[in-house]
Amino acid sequence: MIQKITFTTILVVATFIVATIFLRRGKLYLYLYGIIALNFLSEILAFIATVTQKFSFVSVYNLNFIFQPLLWLLLLGYILKSRKKAKILAISFLTFGLLNISFYEQMDLNENTLLLGSFLYLGFFIWGHFKLIKDEVLNYFNSNRFILVSAPIILFFGISILFAFGDSGLRSTPMLGKSLYYYIQFISNFIFYSLLILYIIKSRNEEK
């Protein structure tokens, strides 16, 4: 069973523990802790699925592909003070994700949902931050909140590279004994969870 525990599993569990102990309560807390708890639950269920073979881990990830981008869109909208736009994007994305899992990709890995969620977040992020630059709200870029909303950028960008062209051969391209997918997943997850932990620690220190 030990070989089923990956580096990503360790990162997810560590981030969940740090968030549970140190994350500040508030409106932002609901979104961020929801994301971290969702990833923790997904990792645990995927681990159980892999070990027991009682159900498919793909179905676990498919649900994560719907709800993680959705929560990130809402969190970004809250921070950028563009909640109405975020809700429209989130509802549209949720509708697509539910239709996709019900009628199109179904129980296959829902790559289209993952891609759309990634593109929506990246597009919303770029639009919102260009607007802040235009309005000369430059002190925001030194803030802890900028660290937070930047956390999933590499993750979503890596996902876009891996899945945008539907080329599973690209994902399995060997590099130094490992696949390209392994390296992109490793790097993007390391940056993602490291930035989340950094945000939590900094926000806690700002309280003092």
N, C-alpha and C. Protein backbone atom coordinates (compact mmCIF):
# COMPACT_ATOMS: atom_id res chain seq x y z
N MET A 1 0.81 -1.21 0.00
CA MET A 1 0.00 0.00 0.00
C MET A 1 0.85 1.27 0.00
N ILE A 2 2.07 1.17 0.54
CA ILE A 2 2.91 2.36 0.64
C ILE A 2 3.22 2.96 -0.73
N GLN A 3 3.41 2.08 -1.73
CA GLN A 3 3.78 2.58 -3.04
C GLN A 3 2.66 3.40 -3.68
N LYS A 4 1.45 3.33 -3.15
CA LYS A 4 0.34 4.11 -3.68
C LYS A 4 0.38 5.56 -3.20
N ILE A 5 1.15 5.84 -2.15
CA ILE A 5 1.25 7.19 -1.62
C ILE A 5 2.28 7.96 -2.46
N THR A 6 1.84 9.02 -3.10
CA THR A 6 2.70 9.80 -3.98
C THR A 6 3.15 11.09 -3.30
N PHE A 7 4.06 11.79 -3.96
CA PHE A 7 4.51 13.09 -3.46
C PHE A 7 3.35 14.07 -3.40
N THR A 8 2.45 13.99 -4.39
CA THR A 8 1.27 14.85 -4.39
C THR A 8 0.39 14.56 -3.18
N THR A 9 0.24 13.29 -2.83
CA THR A 9 -0.55 12.92 -1.65
C THR A 9 0.00 13.59 -0.40
N ILE A 10 1.32 13.57 -0.25
CA ILE A 10 1.96 14.19 0.91
C ILE A 10 1.71 15.69 0.93
N LEU A 11 1.82 16.34 -0.24
CA LEU A 11 1.57 17.78 -0.33
C LEU A 11 0.13 18.12 0.04
N VAL A 12 -0.81 17.32 -0.47
CA VAL A 12 -2.23 17.56 -0.21
C VAL A 12 -2.54 17.44 1.28
N VAL A 13 -2.05 16.38 1.90
CA VAL A 13 -2.30 16.15 3.32
C VAL A 13 -1.65 17.24 4.17
N ALA A 14 -0.41 17.60 3.84
CA ALA A 14 0.29 18.65 4.59
C ALA A 14 -0.44 19.98 4.50
N THR A 15 -0.91 20.33 3.30
CA THR A 15 -1.64 21.59 3.11
C THR A 15 -2.95 21.58 3.86
N PHE A 16 -3.64 20.45 3.85
CA PHE A 16 -4.91 20.34 4.58
C PHE A 16 -4.69 20.53 6.08
N ILE A 17 -3.64 19.93 6.62
CA ILE A 17 -3.34 20.06 8.05
C ILE A 17 -3.00 21.51 8.40
N VAL A 18 -2.15 22.14 7.58
CA VAL A 18 -1.78 23.54 7.81
C VAL A 18 -3.01 24.45 7.75
N ALA A 19 -3.87 24.22 6.75
CA ALA A 19 -5.08 25.04 6.60
C ALA A 19 -6.03 24.85 7.77
N THR A 20 -6.20 23.62 8.21
CA THR A 20 -7.11 23.33 9.32
C THR A 20 -6.65 24.01 10.60
N ILE A 21 -5.35 24.07 10.81
CA ILE A 21 -4.81 24.65 12.05
C ILE A 21 -4.67 26.17 11.96
N PHE A 22 -4.19 26.67 10.82
CA PHE A 22 -3.76 28.07 10.77
C PHE A 22 -4.59 29.01 9.90
N LEU A 23 -5.43 28.50 9.02
CA LEU A 23 -6.14 29.38 8.09
C LEU A 23 -7.12 30.28 8.82
N ARG A 24 -7.06 31.57 8.51
CA ARG A 24 -7.94 32.56 9.14
C ARG A 24 -9.37 32.37 8.67
N ARG A 25 -10.32 32.57 9.59
CA ARG A 25 -11.73 32.45 9.25
C ARG A 25 -12.22 33.73 8.56
N GLY A 26 -13.26 33.59 7.75
CA GLY A 26 -13.81 34.72 7.02
C GLY A 26 -14.43 34.25 5.72
N LYS A 27 -14.92 35.20 4.89
CA LYS A 27 -15.56 34.83 3.63
C LYS A 27 -14.58 34.13 2.70
N LEU A 28 -13.36 34.64 2.64
CA LEU A 28 -12.34 34.03 1.80
C LEU A 28 -12.02 32.62 2.26
N TYR A 29 -12.10 32.41 3.57
CA TYR A 29 -11.83 31.09 4.16
C TYR A 29 -12.74 30.02 3.57
N LEU A 30 -14.01 30.37 3.35
CA LEU A 30 -14.98 29.39 2.84
C LEU A 30 -14.55 28.86 1.48
N TYR A 31 -14.09 29.75 0.62
CA TYR A 31 -13.65 29.33 -0.72
C TYR A 31 -12.35 28.52 -0.64
N LEU A 32 -11.35 29.08 0.05
CA LEU A 32 -10.03 28.45 0.07
C LEU A 32 -10.05 27.13 0.82
N TYR A 33 -10.67 27.10 1.98
CA TYR A 33 -10.71 25.84 2.72
C TYR A 33 -11.54 24.81 1.96
N GLY A 34 -12.56 25.29 1.25
CA GLY A 34 -13.35 24.38 0.42
C GLY A 34 -12.49 23.72 -0.66
N ILE A 35 -11.60 24.51 -1.29
CA ILE A 35 -10.70 23.98 -2.32
C ILE A 35 -9.73 22.96 -1.72
N ILE A 36 -9.13 23.33 -0.59
CA ILE A 36 -8.14 22.45 0.05
C ILE A 36 -8.79 21.17 0.55
N ALA A 37 -9.98 21.30 1.15
CA ALA A 37 -10.70 20.12 1.65
C ALA A 37 -11.14 19.22 0.49
N LEU A 38 -11.56 19.84 -0.61
CA LEU A 38 -11.96 19.07 -1.79
C LEU A 38 -10.79 18.26 -2.33
N ASN A 39 -9.62 18.87 -2.42
CA ASN A 39 -8.43 18.16 -2.91
C ASN A 39 -8.01 17.06 -1.95
N PHE A 40 -8.12 17.32 -0.66
CA PHE A 40 -7.79 16.31 0.35
C PHE A 40 -8.73 15.11 0.22
N LEU A 41 -10.02 15.38 0.13
CA LEU A 41 -11.01 14.31 0.01
C LEU A 41 -10.80 13.53 -1.30
N SER A 42 -10.53 14.26 -2.38
CA SER A 42 -10.30 13.61 -3.68
C SER A 42 -9.09 12.68 -3.63
N GLU A 43 -8.02 13.16 -2.98
CA GLU A 43 -6.79 12.35 -2.89
C GLU A 43 -7.02 11.09 -2.05
N ILE A 44 -7.75 11.25 -0.95
CA ILE A 44 -8.04 10.10 -0.09
C ILE A 44 -8.91 9.08 -0.82
N LEU A 45 -9.96 9.56 -1.49
CA LEU A 45 -10.85 8.65 -2.22
C LEU A 45 -10.13 7.97 -3.39
N ALA A 46 -9.28 8.73 -4.09
CA ALA A 46 -8.51 8.14 -5.20
C ALA A 46 -7.54 7.08 -4.68
N PHE A 47 -6.96 7.35 -3.52
CA PHE A 47 -6.06 6.37 -2.88
C PHE A 47 -6.82 5.09 -2.54
N ILE A 48 -8.01 5.25 -1.95
CA ILE A 48 -8.84 4.09 -1.59
C ILE A 48 -9.24 3.32 -2.85
N ALA A 49 -9.62 4.06 -3.90
CA ALA A 49 -10.03 3.41 -5.15
C ALA A 49 -8.88 2.61 -5.76
N THR A 50 -7.67 3.17 -5.71
CA THR A 50 -6.51 2.48 -6.28
C THR A 50 -6.17 1.22 -5.49
N VAL A 51 -6.27 1.31 -4.18
CA VAL A 51 -5.89 0.18 -3.32
C VAL A 51 -6.94 -0.93 -3.34
N THR A 52 -8.22 -0.53 -3.23
CA THR A 52 -9.28 -1.54 -3.09
C THR A 52 -9.84 -2.02 -4.42
N GLN A 53 -9.70 -1.19 -5.48
CA GLN A 53 -10.27 -1.53 -6.80
C GLN A 53 -11.80 -1.69 -6.73
N LYS A 54 -12.43 -1.06 -5.74
CA LYS A 54 -13.88 -1.18 -5.58
C LYS A 54 -14.64 -0.19 -6.46
N PHE A 55 -14.00 0.92 -6.78
CA PHE A 55 -14.61 1.92 -7.66
C PHE A 55 -13.49 2.64 -8.40
N SER A 56 -13.87 3.39 -9.42
CA SER A 56 -12.88 4.02 -10.29
C SER A 56 -12.40 5.36 -9.72
N PHE A 57 -11.09 5.54 -9.68
CA PHE A 57 -10.55 6.83 -9.24
C PHE A 57 -10.85 7.92 -10.25
N VAL A 58 -11.15 7.54 -11.51
CA VAL A 58 -11.46 8.52 -12.55
C VAL A 58 -12.71 9.32 -12.18
N SER A 59 -13.71 8.65 -11.62
CA SER A 59 -14.94 9.34 -11.23
C SER A 59 -14.67 10.36 -10.13
N VAL A 60 -13.71 10.05 -9.26
CA VAL A 60 -13.32 10.98 -8.20
C VAL A 60 -12.70 12.24 -8.81
N TYR A 61 -11.77 12.05 -9.73
CA TYR A 61 -11.12 13.19 -10.38
C TYR A 61 -12.08 13.99 -11.24
N ASN A 62 -13.04 13.31 -11.87
CA ASN A 62 -14.02 14.03 -12.71
C ASN A 62 -14.82 15.03 -11.89
N LEU A 63 -15.20 14.65 -10.68
CA LEU A 63 -15.93 15.58 -9.82
C LEU A 63 -15.02 16.72 -9.36
N ASN A 64 -13.76 16.40 -9.10
CA ASN A 64 -12.80 17.43 -8.73
C ASN A 64 -12.60 18.42 -9.88
N PHE A 65 -12.60 17.90 -11.12
CA PHE A 65 -12.42 18.75 -12.30
C PHE A 65 -13.56 19.77 -12.44
N ILE A 66 -14.72 19.44 -11.88
CA ILE A 66 -15.85 20.38 -11.93
C ILE A 66 -15.76 21.39 -10.80
N PHE A 67 -15.58 20.90 -9.57
CA PHE A 67 -15.75 21.77 -8.41
C PHE A 67 -14.51 22.58 -8.04
N GLN A 68 -13.31 22.10 -8.37
CA GLN A 68 -12.13 22.91 -8.03
C GLN A 68 -12.04 24.18 -8.88
N PRO A 69 -12.14 24.12 -10.22
CA PRO A 69 -12.13 25.37 -10.99
C PRO A 69 -13.28 26.30 -10.62
N LEU A 70 -14.44 25.71 -10.32
CA LEU A 70 -15.60 26.51 -9.94
C LEU A 70 -15.30 27.34 -8.69
N LEU A 71 -14.72 26.69 -7.67
CA LEU A 71 -14.39 27.40 -6.43
C LEU A 71 -13.29 28.44 -6.65
N TRP A 72 -12.33 28.13 -7.52
CA TRP A 72 -11.28 29.10 -7.82
C TRP A 72 -11.83 30.32 -8.54
N LEU A 73 -12.78 30.12 -9.44
CA LEU A 73 -13.41 31.25 -10.13
C LEU A 73 -14.13 32.16 -9.14
N LEU A 74 -14.86 31.56 -8.20
CA LEU A 74 -15.58 32.34 -7.20
C LEU A 74 -14.61 33.07 -6.27
N LEU A 75 -13.53 32.40 -5.89
CA LEU A 75 -12.52 33.02 -5.03
C LEU A 75 -11.86 34.20 -5.74
N LEU A 76 -11.50 34.01 -7.01
CA LEU A 76 -10.87 35.08 -7.78
C LEU A 76 -11.82 36.26 -7.95
N GLY A 77 -13.09 35.98 -8.21
CA GLY A 77 -14.09 37.04 -8.34
C GLY A 77 -14.25 37.82 -7.05
N TYR A 78 -14.16 37.13 -5.91
CA TYR A 78 -14.26 37.79 -4.60
C TYR A 78 -13.08 38.74 -4.38
N ILE A 79 -11.88 38.28 -4.71
CA ILE A 79 -10.69 39.10 -4.49
C ILE A 79 -10.63 40.28 -5.46
N LEU A 80 -11.05 40.05 -6.72
CA LEU A 80 -11.01 41.11 -7.72
C LEU A 80 -12.23 42.04 -7.65
N LYS A 81 -13.14 41.73 -6.71
CA LYS A 81 -14.39 42.49 -6.58
C LYS A 81 -15.20 42.46 -7.89
N SER A 82 -15.21 41.29 -8.51
CA SER A 82 -15.99 41.07 -9.74
C SER A 82 -16.85 39.82 -9.55
N ARG A 83 -17.63 39.83 -8.48
CA ARG A 83 -18.38 38.63 -8.11
C ARG A 83 -19.45 38.28 -9.12
N LYS A 84 -20.07 39.30 -9.72
CA LYS A 84 -21.13 39.02 -10.69
C LYS A 84 -20.57 38.27 -11.90
N LYS A 85 -19.45 38.75 -12.41
CA LYS A 85 -18.81 38.07 -13.56
C LYS A 85 -18.37 36.66 -13.16
N ALA A 86 -17.84 36.53 -11.94
CA ALA A 86 -17.39 35.22 -11.47
C ALA A 86 -18.55 34.25 -11.37
N LYS A 87 -19.70 34.72 -10.91
CA LYS A 87 -20.87 33.84 -10.78
C LYS A 87 -21.37 33.39 -12.15
N ILE A 88 -21.36 34.31 -13.12
CA ILE A 88 -21.78 33.95 -14.48
C ILE A 88 -20.85 32.88 -15.06
N LEU A 89 -19.54 33.09 -14.89
CA LEU A 89 -18.56 32.11 -15.37
C LEU A 89 -18.72 30.78 -14.65
N ALA A 90 -18.92 30.84 -13.33
CA ALA A 90 -19.03 29.62 -12.53
C ALA A 90 -20.28 28.82 -12.90
N ILE A 91 -21.40 29.50 -13.07
CA ILE A 91 -22.65 28.81 -13.43
C ILE A 91 -22.54 28.20 -14.82
N SER A 92 -21.96 28.96 -15.75
CA SER A 92 -21.78 28.44 -17.12
C SER A 92 -20.87 27.21 -17.11
N PHE A 93 -19.79 27.30 -16.34
CA PHE A 93 -18.85 26.18 -16.26
C PHE A 93 -19.49 24.96 -15.60
N LEU A 94 -20.23 25.19 -14.52
CA LEU A 94 -20.90 24.09 -13.83
C LEU A 94 -21.88 23.39 -14.75
N THR A 95 -22.63 24.18 -15.52
CA THR A 95 -23.58 23.60 -16.48
C THR A 95 -22.86 22.73 -17.50
N PHE A 96 -21.76 23.25 -18.05
CA PHE A 96 -20.98 22.47 -19.02
C PHE A 96 -20.45 21.19 -18.39
N GLY A 97 -19.89 21.32 -17.18
CA GLY A 97 -19.31 20.16 -16.52
C GLY A 97 -20.31 19.06 -16.25
N LEU A 98 -21.51 19.44 -15.81
CA LEU A 98 -22.55 18.46 -15.52
C LEU A 98 -23.06 17.80 -16.80
N LEU A 99 -23.19 18.60 -17.87
CA LEU A 99 -23.61 18.03 -19.16
C LEU A 99 -22.55 17.08 -19.71
N ASN A 100 -21.29 17.48 -19.55
CA ASN A 100 -20.19 16.66 -20.06
C ASN A 100 -20.10 15.31 -19.35
N ILE A 101 -20.23 15.34 -18.02
CA ILE A 101 -20.12 14.10 -17.25
C ILE A 101 -21.36 13.22 -17.42
N SER A 102 -22.47 13.86 -17.81
CA SER A 102 -23.73 13.10 -17.95
C SER A 102 -23.90 12.51 -19.35
N PHE A 103 -23.46 13.26 -20.39
CA PHE A 103 -23.81 12.85 -21.75
C PHE A 103 -22.62 12.64 -22.70
N TYR A 104 -21.51 13.33 -22.48
CA TYR A 104 -20.44 13.26 -23.48
C TYR A 104 -19.28 12.37 -23.02
N GLU A 105 -18.38 12.90 -22.23
CA GLU A 105 -17.24 12.08 -21.79
C GLU A 105 -17.63 11.09 -20.69
N GLN A 106 -18.70 11.40 -19.98
CA GLN A 106 -19.27 10.50 -18.97
C GLN A 106 -18.21 9.98 -18.00
N MET A 107 -18.00 8.66 -17.94
CA MET A 107 -17.08 8.07 -16.96
C MET A 107 -15.64 8.00 -17.45
N ASP A 108 -15.38 8.48 -18.68
CA ASP A 108 -13.99 8.66 -19.10
C ASP A 108 -13.43 9.88 -18.37
N LEU A 109 -12.11 10.04 -18.40
CA LEU A 109 -11.52 11.22 -17.79
C LEU A 109 -12.05 12.46 -18.49
N ASN A 110 -12.67 13.37 -17.74
CA ASN A 110 -13.34 14.54 -18.31
C ASN A 110 -12.33 15.64 -18.66
N GLU A 111 -11.56 15.40 -19.71
CA GLU A 111 -10.51 16.33 -20.11
C GLU A 111 -11.09 17.67 -20.57
N ASN A 112 -12.23 17.65 -21.23
CA ASN A 112 -12.83 18.90 -21.73
C ASN A 112 -13.24 19.81 -20.58
N THR A 113 -13.77 19.22 -19.52
CA THR A 113 -14.15 20.00 -18.34
C THR A 113 -12.91 20.62 -17.70
N LEU A 114 -11.87 19.82 -17.57
CA LEU A 114 -10.62 20.29 -16.98
C LEU A 114 -10.02 21.43 -17.80
N LEU A 115 -10.04 21.27 -19.12
CA LEU A 115 -9.49 22.29 -20.01
C LEU A 115 -10.28 23.60 -19.93
N LEU A 116 -11.60 23.48 -20.00
CA LEU A 116 -12.43 24.68 -19.96
C LEU A 116 -12.25 25.42 -18.64
N GLY A 117 -12.23 24.69 -17.53
CA GLY A 117 -12.02 25.31 -16.23
C GLY A 117 -10.69 26.03 -16.16
N SER A 118 -9.66 25.42 -16.72
CA SER A 118 -8.32 26.03 -16.73
C SER A 118 -8.31 27.31 -17.56
N PHE A 119 -8.88 27.25 -18.76
CA PHE A 119 -8.91 28.41 -19.65
C PHE A 119 -9.74 29.56 -19.05
N LEU A 120 -10.86 29.22 -18.43
CA LEU A 120 -11.69 30.26 -17.82
C LEU A 120 -10.95 30.97 -16.70
N TYR A 121 -10.26 30.20 -15.86
CA TYR A 121 -9.53 30.82 -14.75
C TYR A 121 -8.39 31.68 -15.28
N LEU A 122 -7.62 31.14 -16.22
CA LEU A 122 -6.50 31.90 -16.77
C LEU A 122 -6.98 33.18 -17.44
N GLY A 123 -8.07 33.08 -18.21
CA GLY A 123 -8.62 34.26 -18.88
C GLY A 123 -9.13 35.30 -17.90
N PHE A 124 -9.86 34.85 -16.88
CA PHE A 124 -10.41 35.74 -15.86
C PHE A 124 -9.27 36.40 -15.07
N PHE A 125 -8.24 35.62 -14.77
CA PHE A 125 -7.07 36.13 -14.04
C PHE A 125 -6.38 37.23 -14.85
N ILE A 126 -6.13 36.98 -16.13
CA ILE A 126 -5.45 37.96 -16.98
C ILE A 126 -6.29 39.23 -17.11
N TRP A 127 -7.60 39.07 -17.38
CA TRP A 127 -8.48 40.23 -17.52
C TRP A 127 -8.49 41.06 -16.24
N GLY A 128 -8.67 40.41 -15.11
CA GLY A 128 -8.77 41.12 -13.83
C GLY A 128 -7.50 41.85 -13.48
N HIS A 129 -6.35 41.26 -13.77
CA HIS A 129 -5.10 41.89 -13.38
C HIS A 129 -4.66 42.98 -14.35
N PHE A 130 -5.03 42.86 -15.61
CA PHE A 130 -4.81 43.98 -16.53
C PHE A 130 -5.66 45.18 -16.11
N LYS A 131 -6.86 44.90 -15.63
CA LYS A 131 -7.74 45.97 -15.16
C LYS A 131 -7.12 46.68 -13.94
N LEU A 132 -6.53 45.90 -13.03
CA LEU A 132 -5.88 46.49 -11.86
C LEU A 132 -4.69 47.35 -12.27
N ILE A 133 -3.94 46.89 -13.26
CA ILE A 133 -2.80 47.67 -13.76
C ILE A 133 -3.29 48.97 -14.40
N LYS A 134 -4.36 48.86 -15.19
CA LYS A 134 -4.94 50.04 -15.84
C LYS A 134 -5.42 51.05 -14.80
N ASP A 135 -6.00 50.55 -13.71
CA ASP A 135 -6.50 51.43 -12.64
C ASP A 135 -5.40 51.84 -11.67
N GLU A 136 -4.17 51.38 -11.94
CA GLU A 136 -2.99 51.71 -11.14
C GLU A 136 -3.11 51.25 -9.69
N VAL A 137 -3.72 50.10 -9.49
CA VAL A 137 -3.79 49.50 -8.15
C VAL A 137 -2.57 48.58 -8.02
N LEU A 138 -1.40 49.17 -8.02
CA LEU A 138 -0.17 48.39 -8.13
C LEU A 138 0.27 47.77 -6.81
N ASN A 139 -0.19 48.34 -5.68
CA ASN A 139 0.19 47.77 -4.39
C ASN A 139 -0.39 46.37 -4.20
N TYR A 140 -1.46 46.07 -4.94
CA TYR A 140 -2.08 44.74 -4.86
C TYR A 140 -1.08 43.64 -5.22
N PHE A 141 -0.17 43.93 -6.15
CA PHE A 141 0.75 42.90 -6.65
C PHE A 141 1.83 42.53 -5.63
N ASN A 142 1.91 43.29 -4.54
CA ASN A 142 2.80 42.94 -3.44
C ASN A 142 2.05 42.30 -2.28
N SER A 143 0.76 42.07 -2.49
CA SER A 143 -0.08 41.58 -1.39
C SER A 143 -0.09 40.06 -1.31
N ASN A 144 -0.52 39.58 -0.17
CA ASN A 144 -0.64 38.14 0.05
C ASN A 144 -1.74 37.54 -0.82
N ARG A 145 -2.75 38.32 -1.12
CA ARG A 145 -3.85 37.82 -1.96
C ARG A 145 -3.39 37.54 -3.39
N PHE A 146 -2.43 38.31 -3.87
CA PHE A 146 -1.89 38.04 -5.20
C PHE A 146 -1.18 36.69 -5.23
N ILE A 147 -0.49 36.37 -4.15
CA ILE A 147 0.14 35.05 -4.03
C ILE A 147 -0.92 33.96 -4.12
N LEU A 148 -2.03 34.17 -3.43
CA LEU A 148 -3.10 33.16 -3.40
C LEU A 148 -3.68 32.90 -4.78
N VAL A 149 -4.10 33.96 -5.48
CA VAL A 149 -4.75 33.75 -6.78
C VAL A 149 -3.76 33.33 -7.86
N SER A 150 -2.46 33.52 -7.59
CA SER A 150 -1.44 33.06 -8.54
C SER A 150 -1.13 31.57 -8.37
N ALA A 151 -1.52 31.01 -7.23
CA ALA A 151 -1.17 29.62 -6.91
C ALA A 151 -1.58 28.62 -7.99
N PRO A 152 -2.81 28.69 -8.53
CA PRO A 152 -3.20 27.68 -9.52
C PRO A 152 -2.77 27.97 -10.95
N ILE A 153 -2.09 29.09 -11.19
CA ILE A 153 -1.74 29.46 -12.56
C ILE A 153 -0.87 28.40 -13.24
N ILE A 154 0.22 28.01 -12.59
CA ILE A 154 1.11 27.00 -13.17
C ILE A 154 0.38 25.67 -13.32
N LEU A 155 -0.45 25.34 -12.33
CA LEU A 155 -1.22 24.09 -12.37
C LEU A 155 -2.15 24.07 -13.58
N PHE A 156 -2.93 25.14 -13.76
CA PHE A 156 -3.87 25.20 -14.88
C PHE A 156 -3.13 25.33 -16.22
N PHE A 157 -2.01 26.06 -16.23
CA PHE A 157 -1.23 26.20 -17.46
C PHE A 157 -0.64 24.85 -17.87
N GLY A 158 -0.14 24.10 -16.89
CA GLY A 158 0.40 22.78 -17.18
C GLY A 158 -0.66 21.84 -17.71
N ILE A 159 -1.85 21.92 -17.11
CA ILE A 159 -2.98 21.11 -17.57
C ILE A 159 -3.31 21.44 -19.02
N SER A 160 -3.30 22.73 -19.35
CA SER A 160 -3.62 23.16 -20.71
C SER A 160 -2.63 22.59 -21.72
N ILE A 161 -1.35 22.59 -21.35
CA ILE A 161 -0.32 22.03 -22.24
C ILE A 161 -0.54 20.54 -22.46
N LEU A 162 -0.86 19.83 -21.37
CA LEU A 162 -0.98 18.37 -21.44
C LEU A 162 -2.21 17.90 -22.19
N PHE A 163 -3.33 18.63 -22.04
CA PHE A 163 -4.59 18.12 -22.55
C PHE A 163 -5.18 18.90 -23.73
N ALA A 164 -4.61 20.05 -24.06
CA ALA A 164 -5.23 20.92 -25.07
C ALA A 164 -5.34 20.25 -26.44
N PHE A 165 -4.39 19.42 -26.79
CA PHE A 165 -4.38 18.84 -28.12
C PHE A 165 -4.86 17.40 -28.15
N GLY A 166 -5.33 16.90 -27.01
CA GLY A 166 -5.86 15.54 -26.96
C GLY A 166 -4.83 14.50 -27.36
N ASP A 167 -3.56 14.79 -27.11
CA ASP A 167 -2.48 13.90 -27.54
C ASP A 167 -1.91 13.17 -26.34
N SER A 168 -2.41 11.97 -26.08
CA SER A 168 -1.92 11.20 -24.94
C SER A 168 -0.46 10.79 -25.14
N GLY A 169 -0.01 10.75 -26.43
CA GLY A 169 1.38 10.44 -26.73
C GLY A 169 2.31 11.50 -26.18
N LEU A 170 1.87 12.77 -26.23
CA LEU A 170 2.67 13.87 -25.68
C LEU A 170 2.85 13.69 -24.18
N ARG A 171 1.78 13.29 -23.50
CA ARG A 171 1.83 13.13 -22.05
C ARG A 171 2.77 12.01 -21.64
N SER A 172 2.91 11.00 -22.48
CA SER A 172 3.76 9.85 -22.12
C SER A 172 5.17 9.95 -22.69
N THR A 173 5.51 11.10 -23.28
CA THR A 173 6.86 11.30 -23.83
C THR A 173 7.91 11.09 -22.74
N PRO A 174 8.85 10.17 -22.94
CA PRO A 174 9.84 9.88 -21.89
C PRO A 174 10.89 10.98 -21.75
N MET A 175 11.23 11.30 -20.49
CA MET A 175 12.29 12.26 -20.19
C MET A 175 13.01 11.79 -18.93
N LEU A 176 14.28 11.43 -19.07
CA LEU A 176 15.09 10.99 -17.93
C LEU A 176 14.42 9.87 -17.14
N GLY A 177 13.82 8.95 -17.85
CA GLY A 177 13.22 7.79 -17.20
C GLY A 177 11.80 7.99 -16.72
N LYS A 178 11.27 9.20 -16.85
CA LYS A 178 9.90 9.50 -16.44
C LYS A 178 9.15 10.12 -17.62
N SER A 179 7.82 10.15 -17.52
CA SER A 179 7.02 10.75 -18.58
C SER A 179 6.95 12.26 -18.41
N LEU A 180 6.65 12.97 -19.49
CA LEU A 180 6.46 14.42 -19.44
C LEU A 180 5.35 14.76 -18.45
N TYR A 181 4.30 13.94 -18.44
CA TYR A 181 3.19 14.15 -17.51
C TYR A 181 3.69 14.15 -16.07
N TYR A 182 4.60 13.26 -15.72
CA TYR A 182 5.12 13.16 -14.35
C TYR A 182 5.79 14.47 -13.95
N TYR A 183 6.64 15.00 -14.82
CA TYR A 183 7.39 16.21 -14.48
C TYR A 183 6.49 17.43 -14.36
N ILE A 184 5.55 17.58 -15.29
CA ILE A 184 4.65 18.73 -15.24
C ILE A 184 3.76 18.64 -14.00
N GLN A 185 3.25 17.45 -13.72
CA GLN A 185 2.42 17.26 -12.53
C GLN A 185 3.22 17.54 -11.26
N PHE A 186 4.44 17.04 -11.19
CA PHE A 186 5.28 17.22 -10.00
C PHE A 186 5.56 18.70 -9.75
N ILE A 187 6.03 19.39 -10.80
CA ILE A 187 6.39 20.80 -10.65
C ILE A 187 5.18 21.66 -10.34
N SER A 188 4.08 21.46 -11.08
CA SER A 188 2.89 22.30 -10.89
C SER A 188 2.26 22.07 -9.52
N ASN A 189 2.21 20.83 -9.06
CA ASN A 189 1.65 20.56 -7.74
C ASN A 189 2.54 21.11 -6.63
N PHE A 190 3.85 21.00 -6.80
CA PHE A 190 4.78 21.53 -5.80
C PHE A 190 4.61 23.04 -5.65
N ILE A 191 4.56 23.75 -6.78
CA ILE A 191 4.38 25.21 -6.74
C ILE A 191 3.01 25.56 -6.17
N PHE A 192 1.97 24.86 -6.62
CA PHE A 192 0.60 25.13 -6.19
C PHE A 192 0.46 25.03 -4.67
N TYR A 193 0.84 23.90 -4.12
CA TYR A 193 0.65 23.69 -2.68
C TYR A 193 1.63 24.50 -1.84
N SER A 194 2.83 24.75 -2.36
CA SER A 194 3.79 25.60 -1.65
C SER A 194 3.25 27.02 -1.51
N LEU A 195 2.65 27.55 -2.59
CA LEU A 195 2.08 28.90 -2.54
C LEU A 195 0.87 28.97 -1.61
N LEU A 196 0.07 27.91 -1.58
CA LEU A 196 -1.06 27.89 -0.66
C LEU A 196 -0.58 27.92 0.79
N ILE A 197 0.42 27.12 1.10
CA ILE A 197 0.97 27.10 2.46
C ILE A 197 1.60 28.45 2.80
N LEU A 198 2.32 29.04 1.84
CA LEU A 198 2.92 30.36 2.04
C LEU A 198 1.84 31.40 2.34
N TYR A 199 0.75 31.38 1.58
CA TYR A 199 -0.35 32.32 1.82
C TYR A 199 -0.92 32.15 3.22
N ILE A 200 -1.16 30.91 3.63
CA ILE A 200 -1.74 30.65 4.94
C ILE A 200 -0.83 31.14 6.06
N ILE A 201 0.47 30.86 5.95
CA ILE A 201 1.42 31.28 6.97
C ILE A 201 1.53 32.80 7.03
N LYS A 202 1.60 33.45 5.86
CA LYS A 202 1.71 34.91 5.82
C LYS A 202 0.46 35.58 6.37
N SER A 203 -0.72 35.04 6.02
CA SER A 203 -1.96 35.62 6.52
C SER A 203 -2.07 35.47 8.03
N ARG A 204 -1.54 34.37 8.55
CA ARG A 204 -1.53 34.16 10.00
C ARG A 204 -0.60 35.16 10.68
N ASN A 205 0.56 35.38 10.08
CA ASN A 205 1.53 36.33 10.64
C ASN A 205 1.01 37.76 10.60
N GLU A 206 0.21 38.08 9.57
CA GLU A 206 -0.35 39.43 9.44
C GLU A 206 -1.35 39.72 10.54
N GLU A 207 -1.89 38.66 11.15
CA GLU A 207 -2.84 38.82 12.26
C GLU A 207 -2.15 39.34 13.51
N LYS A 208 -0.86 38.99 13.66
CA LYS A 208 -0.14 39.28 14.91
C LYS A 208 0.24 40.75 15.00
